[in-house]
């Protein structure tokens, strides 16, 4: 069966799944260049159909992420302005009765029912939009957390596992836990969104001057510079975990009222200590939650999905605490991955036999031929060379301490650049972090992530087990680093002595693997910096023309697109 998955929330997108396998997937931001775009993915839908090699009339089923398509105002500006309705409800959350109602299953389900009525449901609008591009297949709506869970379970390759979702809010809940076996998912637990630790992490993101729902990763990075015990007790009084209830418990309020309280309580403390406190508290309560789930099912494997699990340090602590064989985080773990999950869940719902398969890679986006790449370079006017062994040339540039932007093959699906839309650099000099951030106009606290040859990963990462390291293929988890890593690769080692690796093999990405092998032959090192190819606050680049524009704007040393290399001697800034 051919299923078109669609998500219309923040970081909306589309995906095509055929006979239980992801064929193509892309997020709208990559096409309209509006980061974390919220709305109907009008550009993504025709693109994923084109990439899958199918016509609109070939689509047999449409799966929409979310139990209903509501007219809720997008939260694309963080928490600076959330609209009248959310503000009204948030102010009511200060009252004990209202807060209690918002935090119960009864109140949550009642709210969901209201928003699922025909008054709010956007079915007719979606049908009209799809019909306009000749898609007339039946439409199914899928619960938000079922989408998250399905995306992780059906791409894990593990027939039996525990699936845990966690985010700020989705269809009224922040988390659901499923016991997954034999291609099916059995609901074990649900937690209303009012009690979400994800909301508190977002509050802190906003209070520290960043954009909520976008810059939580900056808080994670900043946390390593602070003392968590200075502020953790404050967060512990506002939000706790109750094992008897199998739930987080919000003792505070919601949105602006709670942020006003936190702002007052946190005034005496530094940004670093605030970030450290919320990070440590989040690790504490979420690990307790996961451990309770593990005790109930005794799984060998755990799969994670939802925006909270974009927190790579949290994921490391979960793996340590749970002591399961392996942990897998769906690589597009936030709402950007909902379209894939919706499509999988519709197949399950229709009793079409599907089994979890181990996803090979995340290269599901747009790709370009050598001819198309060369045309774009010629139009730019930049001088270029074609190399029969471009990987060797890239390795030589990296050996000579040059920064190389790499554009090759199909674009990655999800927030991590995994070698096809990446910027590469040697990692022996920590000062490169500041310099490169300045070139790309970024304000980051996390160090750059490393790409490492799998056969050498144990030299750089403590307790690396090549047979149980699935998450490390996608930069979704941190590892403690070895002494060798600290000494030889300081640019990818954080102050807490962790790194967020991408482990590479020839099978996953042959060109990327050859670059590292050639670099190792030249330098003796099989690790280098890999950061996403984009300017600050822009989505990762998609097309050759975008790659050239970003290269020109950043003025880094070289751009390698397919077999072609542009090298410019830019004037110093």
Protein backbone atom coordinates (compact mmCIF):
# COMPACT_ATOMS: atom_id res chain seq x y z
CA UNK A 1 0.00 0.00 0.00
CA UNK A 2 1.15 3.55 -0.81
CA UNK A 3 0.56 5.93 2.10
CA UNK A 4 1.15 9.66 2.15
CA UNK A 5 1.90 10.92 5.66
CA UNK A 6 1.34 14.60 6.44
CA UNK A 7 2.04 16.75 9.50
CA UNK A 8 0.74 20.31 9.75
CA UNK A 9 2.12 21.43 13.12
CA UNK A 10 5.46 23.06 13.81
CA UNK A 11 8.16 21.66 11.50
CA UNK A 12 5.47 20.32 9.19
CA UNK A 13 6.28 17.92 6.40
CA UNK A 14 5.33 14.92 4.31
CA UNK A 15 6.47 11.35 3.74
CA UNK A 16 5.73 8.46 1.42
CA UNK A 17 5.72 4.94 2.81
CA UNK A 18 5.27 2.01 0.45
CA UNK A 19 4.70 -1.49 1.80
CA UNK A 20 5.97 -0.53 5.25
CA UNK A 21 9.21 1.20 4.15
CA UNK A 22 10.06 4.92 4.12
CA UNK A 23 10.70 5.91 0.50
CA UNK A 24 10.89 9.69 0.79
CA UNK A 25 10.43 12.26 3.55
CA UNK A 26 11.04 15.98 3.83
CA UNK A 27 10.07 18.92 6.03
CA UNK A 28 8.51 22.06 4.63
CA UNK A 29 11.22 24.33 6.04
CA UNK A 30 13.74 22.90 3.58
CA UNK A 31 11.65 24.07 0.63
CA UNK A 32 10.11 27.37 1.75
CA UNK A 33 13.24 28.26 3.81
CA UNK A 34 11.15 29.21 6.87
CA UNK A 35 12.73 27.43 9.81
CA UNK A 36 10.38 25.13 11.77
CA UNK A 37 7.49 26.16 9.52
CA UNK A 38 4.02 25.56 10.96
CA UNK A 39 1.26 24.91 8.45
CA UNK A 40 0.13 22.80 5.52
CA UNK A 41 3.16 21.29 3.71
CA UNK A 42 2.12 22.37 0.22
CA UNK A 43 5.64 22.15 -1.19
CA UNK A 44 6.69 18.97 0.61
CA UNK A 45 3.83 16.84 -0.69
CA UNK A 46 4.65 17.10 -4.41
CA UNK A 47 8.35 16.77 -3.62
CA UNK A 48 8.02 13.50 -1.70
CA UNK A 49 5.80 12.13 -4.47
CA UNK A 50 8.41 13.09 -7.05
CA UNK A 51 11.21 11.53 -5.01
CA UNK A 52 9.18 8.34 -4.61
CA UNK A 53 8.54 8.21 -8.35
CA UNK A 54 4.75 8.14 -8.02
CA UNK A 55 1.84 10.22 -9.23
CA UNK A 56 -0.77 11.85 -6.95
CA UNK A 57 -3.41 9.39 -8.15
CA UNK A 58 -1.20 6.50 -6.96
CA UNK A 59 -1.66 7.47 -3.30
CA UNK A 60 -3.99 4.94 -1.69
CA UNK A 61 -4.26 6.44 1.79
CA UNK A 62 -3.51 9.79 3.45
CA UNK A 63 -2.48 9.85 7.11
CA UNK A 64 -2.66 13.15 9.00
CA UNK A 65 -0.65 13.51 12.21
CA UNK A 66 -2.91 14.64 15.05
CA UNK A 67 -6.30 13.43 16.20
CA UNK A 68 -7.77 16.45 14.44
CA UNK A 69 -6.54 19.32 12.31
CA UNK A 70 -7.35 22.30 14.52
CA UNK A 71 -7.26 26.00 13.88
CA UNK A 72 -5.00 26.62 16.86
CA UNK A 73 -2.61 29.49 16.45
CA UNK A 74 0.94 28.35 15.65
CA UNK A 75 3.56 28.65 18.38
CA UNK A 76 6.18 29.65 15.84
CA UNK A 77 7.34 32.64 17.86
CA UNK A 78 8.21 30.76 21.02
CA UNK A 79 6.29 31.90 24.10
CA UNK A 80 6.38 35.64 23.52
CA UNK A 81 2.77 35.62 22.31
CA UNK A 82 0.61 32.49 22.46
CA UNK A 83 -2.72 34.01 21.49
CA UNK A 84 -5.82 34.98 23.46
CA UNK A 85 -7.26 31.50 24.05
CA UNK A 86 -4.03 29.98 25.42
CA UNK A 87 -3.40 33.10 27.51
CA UNK A 88 -6.91 32.89 28.99
CA UNK A 89 -6.54 29.20 29.90
CA UNK A 90 -3.02 29.79 31.21
CA UNK A 91 -4.24 32.49 33.59
CA UNK A 92 -6.95 30.14 34.83
CA UNK A 93 -4.27 27.54 35.58
CA UNK A 94 -3.28 29.63 38.60
CA UNK A 95 -6.44 28.50 40.36
CA UNK A 96 -6.23 25.12 42.13
CA UNK A 97 -9.44 23.73 40.62
CA UNK A 98 -8.56 24.68 37.04
CA UNK A 99 -5.01 23.42 37.39
CA UNK A 100 -6.29 20.12 38.79
CA UNK A 101 -8.75 19.75 35.90
CA UNK A 102 -6.08 20.49 33.29
CA UNK A 103 -3.86 17.84 34.83
CA UNK A 104 -6.40 15.00 34.83
CA UNK A 105 -7.31 12.51 32.16
CA UNK A 106 -10.93 13.64 32.41
CA UNK A 107 -10.10 17.27 31.70
CA UNK A 108 -7.58 16.40 29.00
CA UNK A 109 -9.97 14.09 27.15
CA UNK A 110 -12.79 16.62 27.39
CA UNK A 111 -10.59 19.28 25.79
CA UNK A 112 -9.54 16.87 23.06
CA UNK A 113 -13.17 16.07 22.33
CA UNK A 114 -14.01 19.76 21.92
CA UNK A 115 -11.15 20.26 19.48
CA UNK A 116 -12.08 17.11 17.56
CA UNK A 117 -15.56 18.37 16.71
CA UNK A 118 -16.47 19.52 13.24
CA UNK A 119 -16.17 23.12 14.42
CA UNK A 120 -12.42 22.79 14.77
CA UNK A 121 -11.59 19.85 12.52
CA UNK A 122 -9.93 20.95 9.30
CA UNK A 123 -10.81 17.88 7.23
CA UNK A 124 -12.65 19.74 4.48
CA UNK A 125 -9.82 22.23 4.02
CA UNK A 126 -7.26 19.42 3.78
CA UNK A 127 -9.46 17.52 1.33
CA UNK A 128 -9.70 20.60 -0.87
CA UNK A 129 -5.93 21.16 -0.78
CA UNK A 130 -5.22 17.53 -1.65
CA UNK A 131 -7.88 17.42 -4.36
CA UNK A 132 -6.29 20.47 -5.94
CA UNK A 133 -3.18 18.36 -6.62
CA UNK A 134 -5.23 15.31 -7.69
CA UNK A 135 -5.00 13.34 -4.43
CA UNK A 136 -8.40 11.83 -3.62
CA UNK A 137 -7.42 8.99 -1.28
CA UNK A 138 -9.22 8.42 2.05
CA UNK A 139 -7.95 10.51 4.98
CA UNK A 140 -7.26 9.21 8.48
CA UNK A 141 -6.25 11.28 11.52
CA UNK A 142 -3.73 9.72 13.90
CA UNK A 143 -3.09 10.55 17.55
CA UNK A 144 0.03 12.67 18.01
CA UNK A 145 1.84 10.26 20.34
CA UNK A 146 0.87 7.22 18.30
CA UNK A 147 2.66 8.96 15.41
CA UNK A 148 5.76 9.48 17.54
CA UNK A 149 5.75 5.91 18.80
CA UNK A 150 5.15 4.35 15.39
CA UNK A 151 8.00 6.34 13.82
CA UNK A 152 10.45 4.90 16.35
CA UNK A 153 9.11 1.35 16.67
CA UNK A 154 8.75 0.54 12.98
CA UNK A 155 12.23 1.84 12.10
CA UNK A 156 14.05 0.25 15.05
CA UNK A 157 14.34 -3.27 13.71
CA UNK A 158 13.35 -4.63 17.13
CA UNK A 159 10.24 -6.77 17.12
CA UNK A 160 9.88 -6.45 20.90
CA UNK A 161 10.73 -3.25 22.76
CA UNK A 162 9.42 -0.52 25.04
CA UNK A 163 8.37 2.66 23.22
CA UNK A 164 8.34 5.91 25.21
CA UNK A 165 7.21 9.27 23.84
CA UNK A 166 7.75 12.60 25.58
CA UNK A 167 7.30 16.19 24.45
CA UNK A 168 5.64 19.41 25.53
CA UNK A 169 2.17 18.60 24.31
CA UNK A 170 0.44 16.64 21.59
CA UNK A 171 -3.31 15.99 21.44
CA UNK A 172 -3.54 16.86 25.13
CA UNK A 173 -0.78 14.58 26.40
CA UNK A 174 2.96 14.89 26.90
CA UNK A 175 3.80 11.20 27.04
CA UNK A 176 2.55 7.77 26.17
CA UNK A 177 4.26 4.43 26.77
CA UNK A 178 3.65 1.40 24.57
CA UNK A 179 4.63 -2.23 25.00
CA UNK A 180 5.59 -3.23 21.47
CA UNK A 181 5.58 -6.84 20.28
CA UNK A 182 5.00 -8.69 17.02
CA UNK A 183 4.41 -5.52 15.03
CA UNK A 184 1.76 -4.17 17.41
CA UNK A 185 1.78 -1.44 20.08
CA UNK A 186 -0.16 -1.80 23.36
CA UNK A 187 -0.76 1.39 25.33
CA UNK A 188 0.58 1.17 28.91
CA UNK A 189 0.48 4.72 30.22
CA UNK A 190 -0.41 8.32 29.38
CA UNK A 191 0.51 11.60 31.07
CA UNK A 192 -1.51 14.82 30.48
CA UNK A 193 0.41 17.66 28.89
CA UNK A 194 -0.17 19.90 31.91
CA UNK A 195 2.45 17.83 33.77
CA UNK A 196 5.09 17.92 31.04
CA UNK A 197 8.76 18.41 31.98
CA UNK A 198 9.12 19.51 28.36
CA UNK A 199 7.13 22.64 29.11
CA UNK A 200 9.50 23.56 31.93
CA UNK A 201 12.48 23.11 29.65
CA UNK A 202 10.75 25.42 27.16
CA UNK A 203 10.04 27.98 29.90
CA UNK A 204 13.71 28.11 30.77
CA UNK A 205 14.66 28.39 27.11
CA UNK A 206 12.42 31.45 26.85
CA UNK A 207 13.56 33.00 30.16
CA UNK A 208 17.21 32.69 29.12
CA UNK A 209 16.51 34.82 26.05
CA UNK A 210 16.31 32.02 23.47
CA UNK A 211 13.34 30.96 21.35
CA UNK A 212 11.21 28.23 22.91
CA UNK A 213 10.53 25.21 20.69
CA UNK A 214 13.69 26.01 18.73
CA UNK A 215 16.70 26.68 20.94
CA UNK A 216 16.40 24.07 23.69
CA UNK A 217 19.69 22.60 22.46
CA UNK A 218 21.45 25.80 23.50
CA UNK A 219 20.21 25.25 27.05
CA UNK A 220 21.54 21.68 27.00
CA UNK A 221 24.95 22.94 25.94
CA UNK A 222 24.97 25.83 28.41
CA UNK A 223 24.07 23.49 31.28
CA UNK A 224 27.54 21.94 31.34
CA UNK A 225 29.00 25.30 32.42
CA UNK A 226 26.84 25.68 35.54
CA UNK A 227 26.22 24.22 38.99
CA UNK A 228 22.89 22.36 38.90
CA UNK A 229 22.43 22.27 42.67
CA UNK A 230 21.99 26.02 42.86
CA UNK A 231 18.70 25.94 40.96
CA UNK A 232 17.59 22.31 40.74
CA UNK A 233 15.63 22.51 44.06
CA UNK A 234 13.54 25.33 42.58
CA UNK A 235 12.48 23.18 39.64
CA UNK A 236 11.92 20.17 41.91
CA UNK A 237 9.30 22.14 43.86
CA UNK A 238 7.50 23.15 40.67
CA UNK A 239 7.53 19.74 38.95
CA UNK A 240 8.11 16.28 40.44
CA UNK A 241 7.67 12.63 39.54
CA UNK A 242 5.30 10.38 41.48
CA UNK A 243 5.99 6.68 41.05
CA UNK A 244 2.64 5.71 42.59
CA UNK A 245 0.87 7.72 39.88
CA UNK A 246 3.34 6.70 37.15
CA UNK A 247 3.31 10.37 36.22
CA UNK A 248 5.07 13.68 36.39
CA UNK A 249 3.23 16.13 38.66
CA UNK A 250 3.07 19.84 37.96
CA UNK A 251 2.82 21.81 41.23
CA UNK A 252 2.95 25.16 39.44
CA UNK A 253 0.94 26.67 36.60
CA UNK A 254 1.03 26.83 32.83
CA UNK A 255 2.67 29.12 30.28
CA UNK A 256 2.96 32.83 31.19
CA UNK A 257 1.78 32.60 34.81
CA UNK A 258 4.32 29.90 35.57
CA UNK A 259 7.06 31.70 33.68
CA UNK A 260 6.44 34.82 35.78
CA UNK A 261 6.89 32.76 38.94
CA UNK A 262 10.06 31.15 37.62
CA UNK A 263 11.48 34.45 36.46
CA UNK A 264 11.15 35.83 39.98
CA UNK A 265 12.58 32.71 41.65
CA UNK A 266 15.54 32.50 39.28
CA UNK A 267 16.57 36.17 39.31
CA UNK A 268 19.55 35.68 41.67
CA UNK A 269 21.16 32.98 39.52
CA UNK A 270 23.37 32.94 36.44
CA UNK A 271 22.18 31.64 33.09
CA UNK A 272 24.63 28.77 33.41
CA UNK A 273 23.28 27.66 36.78
CA UNK A 274 19.67 27.96 35.59
CA UNK A 275 20.43 25.82 32.54
CA UNK A 276 22.29 23.28 34.67
CA UNK A 277 19.41 23.06 37.13
CA UNK A 278 16.69 22.38 34.58
CA UNK A 279 18.90 19.89 32.71
CA UNK A 280 19.71 17.91 35.87
CA UNK A 281 16.11 17.97 37.08
CA UNK A 282 14.87 16.84 33.68
CA UNK A 283 17.35 13.95 33.75
CA UNK A 284 16.24 13.00 37.27
CA UNK A 285 12.49 12.88 36.70
CA UNK A 286 12.57 11.40 33.21
CA UNK A 287 14.99 8.65 34.23
CA UNK A 288 12.70 7.76 37.16
CA UNK A 289 9.77 7.59 34.74
CA UNK A 290 11.67 5.37 32.31
CA UNK A 291 12.91 3.09 35.10
CA UNK A 292 9.34 2.53 36.31
CA UNK A 293 8.33 1.59 32.78
CA UNK A 294 11.29 -0.76 32.47
CA UNK A 295 10.38 -2.50 35.74
CA UNK A 296 6.90 -3.24 34.39
CA UNK A 297 8.01 -4.87 31.12
CA UNK A 298 11.70 -5.79 31.53
CA UNK A 299 12.56 -4.96 27.91
CA UNK A 300 15.87 -5.59 26.17
CA UNK A 301 15.44 -2.49 24.02
CA UNK A 302 13.93 0.98 24.36
CA UNK A 303 12.84 3.30 21.55
CA UNK A 304 12.33 7.01 22.20
CA UNK A 305 10.50 9.73 20.29
CA UNK A 306 9.12 13.20 20.91
CA UNK A 307 10.85 16.55 21.23
CA UNK A 308 12.19 16.02 24.77
CA UNK A 309 14.38 13.22 23.38
CA UNK A 310 16.23 15.65 21.16
CA UNK A 311 18.13 16.20 24.42
CA UNK A 312 21.16 14.03 23.68
CA UNK A 313 22.57 14.20 27.22
CA UNK A 314 19.25 13.03 28.64
CA UNK A 315 19.28 10.11 26.22
CA UNK A 316 22.70 9.06 27.48
CA UNK A 317 21.49 9.14 31.09
CA UNK A 318 18.42 7.06 30.17
CA UNK A 319 20.59 4.39 28.58
CA UNK A 320 22.88 4.32 31.61
CA UNK A 321 20.01 4.14 34.11
CA UNK A 322 17.85 1.62 32.26
CA UNK A 323 20.68 -0.84 31.56
CA UNK A 324 18.92 -2.21 28.50
CA UNK A 325 20.93 -3.66 25.62
CA UNK A 326 20.37 -0.72 23.33
CA UNK A 327 18.44 2.52 22.94
CA UNK A 328 17.21 3.99 19.66
CA UNK A 329 15.87 7.48 19.16
CA UNK A 330 13.98 8.14 15.95
CA UNK A 331 16.36 10.56 14.17
CA UNK A 332 13.59 13.07 13.39
CA UNK A 333 12.36 12.73 16.96
CA UNK A 334 10.39 15.98 17.25
CA UNK A 335 7.21 16.95 15.45
CA UNK A 336 9.17 17.00 12.21
CA UNK A 337 8.94 13.20 12.18
CA UNK A 338 5.19 12.90 12.72
CA UNK A 339 4.35 12.41 9.04
CA UNK A 340 6.32 9.16 8.97
CA UNK A 341 4.69 7.88 12.14
CA UNK A 342 1.19 8.75 10.92
CA UNK A 343 1.72 6.67 7.78
CA UNK A 344 3.02 3.67 9.75
CA UNK A 345 0.12 3.82 12.19
CA UNK A 346 -2.49 3.88 9.43
CA UNK A 347 -1.00 0.67 8.04
CA UNK A 348 -1.23 -0.93 11.48
CA UNK A 349 -4.78 0.36 11.95
CA UNK A 350 -5.86 -1.21 8.67
CA UNK A 351 -4.43 -4.58 9.73
CA UNK A 352 -1.86 -4.53 6.93
CA UNK A 353 1.02 -6.73 8.13
CA UNK A 354 4.14 -4.65 8.78
CA UNK A 355 7.20 -5.53 10.77
CA UNK A 356 9.76 -3.22 12.34
CA UNK A 357 12.81 -2.87 10.12
CA UNK A 358 16.14 -1.31 10.97
CA UNK A 359 16.26 1.91 8.99
CA UNK A 360 19.49 2.02 6.99
CA UNK A 361 19.98 5.79 6.92
CA UNK A 362 18.09 9.09 6.89
CA UNK A 363 18.83 10.15 3.31
CA UNK A 364 15.20 10.51 2.23
CA UNK A 365 15.29 14.05 0.82
CA UNK A 366 16.13 15.82 -2.43
CA UNK A 367 19.14 14.73 -4.46
CA UNK A 368 20.81 16.15 -7.57
CA UNK A 369 22.77 14.76 -10.50
CA UNK A 370 26.35 15.74 -11.29
CA UNK A 371 25.03 17.63 -14.32
CA UNK A 372 22.61 19.66 -12.20
CA UNK A 373 25.38 20.45 -9.72
CA UNK A 374 27.77 21.56 -12.46
CA UNK A 375 25.10 23.77 -14.04
CA UNK A 376 24.61 25.57 -10.73
CA UNK A 377 28.36 26.12 -10.35
CA UNK A 378 28.71 27.46 -13.90
CA UNK A 379 25.84 29.88 -13.30
CA UNK A 380 27.57 31.12 -10.12
CA UNK A 381 30.72 32.06 -12.00
CA UNK A 382 33.00 30.45 -9.41
CA UNK A 383 36.07 28.59 -10.70
CA UNK A 384 35.93 24.85 -10.00
CA UNK A 385 37.63 21.53 -10.62
CA UNK A 386 36.26 18.05 -11.13
CA UNK A 387 38.08 15.21 -9.34
CA UNK A 388 37.92 11.51 -10.12
CA UNK A 389 38.66 10.93 -6.42
CA UNK A 390 37.02 13.90 -4.77
CA UNK A 391 37.17 12.23 -1.33
CA UNK A 392 40.97 12.27 -1.47
CA UNK A 393 40.95 15.98 -2.34
CA UNK A 394 38.59 16.75 0.54
CA UNK A 395 40.84 14.82 2.93
CA UNK A 396 43.87 16.80 1.74
CA UNK A 397 42.07 20.09 2.34
CA UNK A 398 41.07 18.96 5.83
CA UNK A 399 44.64 17.88 6.55
CA UNK A 400 45.74 21.40 5.59
CA UNK A 401 43.33 22.84 8.18
CA UNK A 402 40.82 24.00 5.58
CA UNK A 403 37.08 24.07 6.29
CA UNK A 404 35.11 22.16 3.68
CA UNK A 405 31.37 22.36 3.04
CA UNK A 406 30.11 19.05 1.65
CA UNK A 407 27.05 18.67 -0.60
CA UNK A 408 26.44 15.16 -1.86
CA UNK A 409 23.64 12.69 -2.51
CA UNK A 410 20.19 12.95 -0.97
CA UNK A 411 19.43 15.43 1.81
CA UNK A 412 19.04 14.14 5.35
CA UNK A 413 15.63 13.85 7.00
CA UNK A 414 15.59 15.37 10.47
CA UNK A 415 17.53 18.04 12.36
CA UNK A 416 21.01 16.47 12.03
CA UNK A 417 23.30 16.83 9.04
CA UNK A 418 24.80 13.39 8.49
CA UNK A 419 27.46 13.99 5.87
CA UNK A 420 25.45 14.95 2.79
CA UNK A 421 24.75 18.55 3.85
CA UNK A 422 27.62 19.04 6.30
CA UNK A 423 30.55 21.32 7.07
CA UNK A 424 33.72 19.40 7.89
CA UNK A 425 36.86 20.47 9.74
CA UNK A 426 39.71 18.99 11.74
CA UNK A 427 38.98 18.75 15.46
CA UNK A 428 42.42 19.27 16.95
CA UNK A 429 41.91 22.95 17.75
CA UNK A 430 39.16 24.06 20.17
CA UNK A 431 39.45 27.67 18.99
CA UNK A 432 37.85 26.63 15.69
CA UNK A 433 34.50 26.49 17.49
CA UNK A 434 34.46 30.24 18.05
CA UNK A 435 35.85 31.07 14.61
CA UNK A 436 33.46 28.85 12.70
CA UNK A 437 30.45 30.01 14.72
CA UNK A 438 31.37 33.57 13.81
CA UNK A 439 31.68 32.67 10.13
CA UNK A 440 28.24 31.05 10.21
CA UNK A 441 26.77 33.79 12.45
CA UNK A 442 25.84 31.22 15.11
CA UNK A 443 25.63 31.53 18.88
CA UNK A 444 26.19 28.01 20.16
CA UNK A 445 27.24 26.52 23.47
CA UNK A 446 27.48 22.92 22.38
CA UNK A 447 30.76 21.88 20.78
CA UNK A 448 30.61 20.67 17.23
CA UNK A 449 29.70 17.02 16.83
CA UNK A 450 32.21 14.49 15.53
CA UNK A 451 31.96 11.93 12.77
CA UNK A 452 34.03 8.84 13.58
CA UNK A 453 34.87 5.64 11.73
CA UNK A 454 32.97 2.86 13.47
CA UNK A 455 36.01 0.60 13.62
CA UNK A 456 37.89 3.27 15.60
CA UNK A 457 35.04 4.60 17.75
CA UNK A 458 36.22 2.72 20.85
CA UNK A 459 39.40 4.82 20.82
CA UNK A 460 37.38 8.01 21.30
CA UNK A 461 34.22 6.95 23.13
CA UNK A 462 34.12 5.15 26.47
CA UNK A 463 32.26 1.84 26.60
CA UNK A 464 31.46 1.94 22.89
CA UNK A 465 29.90 -1.34 21.84
CA UNK A 466 29.77 -1.71 18.05
CA UNK A 467 26.95 -4.25 18.31
CA UNK A 468 24.76 -1.97 20.42
CA UNK A 469 25.24 1.54 19.11
CA UNK A 470 22.28 2.24 16.84
CA UNK A 471 21.60 5.75 18.17
CA UNK A 472 25.18 6.81 17.51
CA UNK A 473 24.63 6.51 13.75
CA UNK A 474 22.32 9.55 13.89
CA UNK A 475 23.87 11.97 16.45
CA UNK A 476 21.03 11.38 18.90
CA UNK A 477 23.01 10.46 22.02
CA UNK A 478 26.17 11.53 23.84
CA UNK A 479 29.01 9.37 25.06
CA UNK A 480 31.70 9.99 27.64
CA UNK A 481 34.98 10.47 25.82
CA UNK A 482 38.35 8.82 26.33
CA UNK A 483 41.60 10.53 27.28
CA UNK A 484 42.72 10.20 23.66
CA UNK A 485 39.62 12.07 22.49
CA UNK A 486 40.17 14.90 24.97
CA UNK A 487 43.79 15.25 23.87
CA UNK A 488 43.47 14.86 20.12
CA UNK A 489 39.93 16.09 19.45
CA UNK A 490 39.21 19.01 21.80
CA UNK A 491 36.93 20.75 19.28
CA UNK A 492 34.32 18.01 19.62
CA UNK A 493 34.75 17.42 23.37
CA UNK A 494 32.34 19.32 25.61
CA UNK A 495 33.39 20.71 28.99
CA UNK A 496 31.61 17.79 30.67
CA UNK A 497 33.82 15.39 28.68
CA UNK A 498 31.06 14.13 26.41
CA UNK A 499 30.63 14.10 22.64
CA UNK A 500 27.63 13.60 20.36
CA UNK A 501 28.98 11.31 17.64
CA UNK A 502 27.93 10.17 14.23
CA UNK A 503 29.41 6.73 13.67
CA UNK A 504 29.98 5.99 10.01
CA UNK A 505 30.50 2.83 7.98
CA UNK A 506 31.05 2.32 4.26
CA UNK A 507 27.65 0.69 3.99
CA UNK A 508 25.82 3.72 5.44
CA UNK A 509 27.52 6.41 3.32
CA UNK A 510 30.33 5.26 0.98
CA UNK A 511 31.58 8.74 0.01
CA UNK A 512 31.62 10.01 3.59
CA UNK A 513 33.43 6.86 4.70
CA UNK A 514 36.08 7.30 2.00
CA UNK A 515 36.73 10.87 3.16
CA UNK A 516 37.45 9.66 6.70
CA UNK A 517 39.58 6.76 5.50
CA UNK A 518 41.66 9.09 3.34
CA UNK A 519 41.92 11.59 6.18
CA UNK A 520 43.11 8.85 8.53
CA UNK A 521 45.75 7.78 6.02
CA UNK A 522 47.02 11.37 5.84
CA UNK A 523 46.83 12.31 9.54
CA UNK A 524 46.45 9.16 11.62
CA UNK A 525 43.11 10.43 12.94
CA UNK A 526 39.68 9.02 12.03
CA UNK A 527 37.55 11.72 13.64
CA UNK A 528 36.58 15.18 12.43
CA UNK A 529 34.08 17.97 13.04
CA UNK A 530 30.70 17.63 11.32
CA UNK A 531 28.26 20.52 11.65
CA UNK A 532 25.20 21.28 9.57
CA UNK A 533 25.58 23.19 6.32
CA UNK A 534 23.48 26.30 6.92
CA UNK A 535 23.76 29.81 8.19
CA UNK A 536 22.41 30.80 11.61
CA UNK A 537 18.62 30.50 11.93
CA UNK A 538 18.32 29.04 8.46
CA UNK A 539 17.24 25.48 7.64
CA UNK A 540 19.88 23.06 6.38
CA UNK A 541 20.53 23.73 2.69
CA UNK A 542 18.78 21.58 0.11
CA UNK A 543 19.79 22.61 -3.42
CA UNK A 544 23.12 23.28 -5.18
CA UNK A 545 22.19 26.96 -5.54
CA UNK A 546 21.55 27.24 -1.79
CA UNK A 547 24.88 25.55 -1.11
CA UNK A 548 26.69 28.08 -3.27
CA UNK A 549 24.92 31.04 -1.64
CA UNK A 550 25.75 29.80 1.85
CA UNK A 551 29.35 29.14 0.83
CA UNK A 552 29.70 32.66 -0.53
CA UNK A 553 28.08 34.22 2.52
CA UNK A 554 30.12 32.25 5.07
CA UNK A 555 33.37 32.52 3.11
CA UNK A 556 34.71 29.22 4.36
CA UNK A 557 37.60 27.70 2.47
CA UNK A 558 36.12 25.15 0.08
CA UNK A 559 32.85 23.78 -1.23
CA UNK A 560 32.78 20.17 -2.44
CA UNK A 561 29.60 19.31 -4.34
CA UNK A 562 29.45 15.84 -5.82
CA UNK A 563 32.78 15.42 -7.68
CA UNK A 564 33.34 19.19 -7.98
CA UNK A 565 35.39 21.44 -5.69
CA UNK A 566 35.38 25.23 -5.43
CA UNK A 567 38.29 26.79 -3.57
CA UNK A 568 38.39 30.53 -2.99
CA UNK A 569 40.96 32.72 -1.26
CA UNK A 570 38.53 35.05 0.46
CA UNK A 571 39.68 38.36 1.84
CA UNK A 572 39.93 38.25 5.66
CA UNK A 573 36.90 39.71 7.39
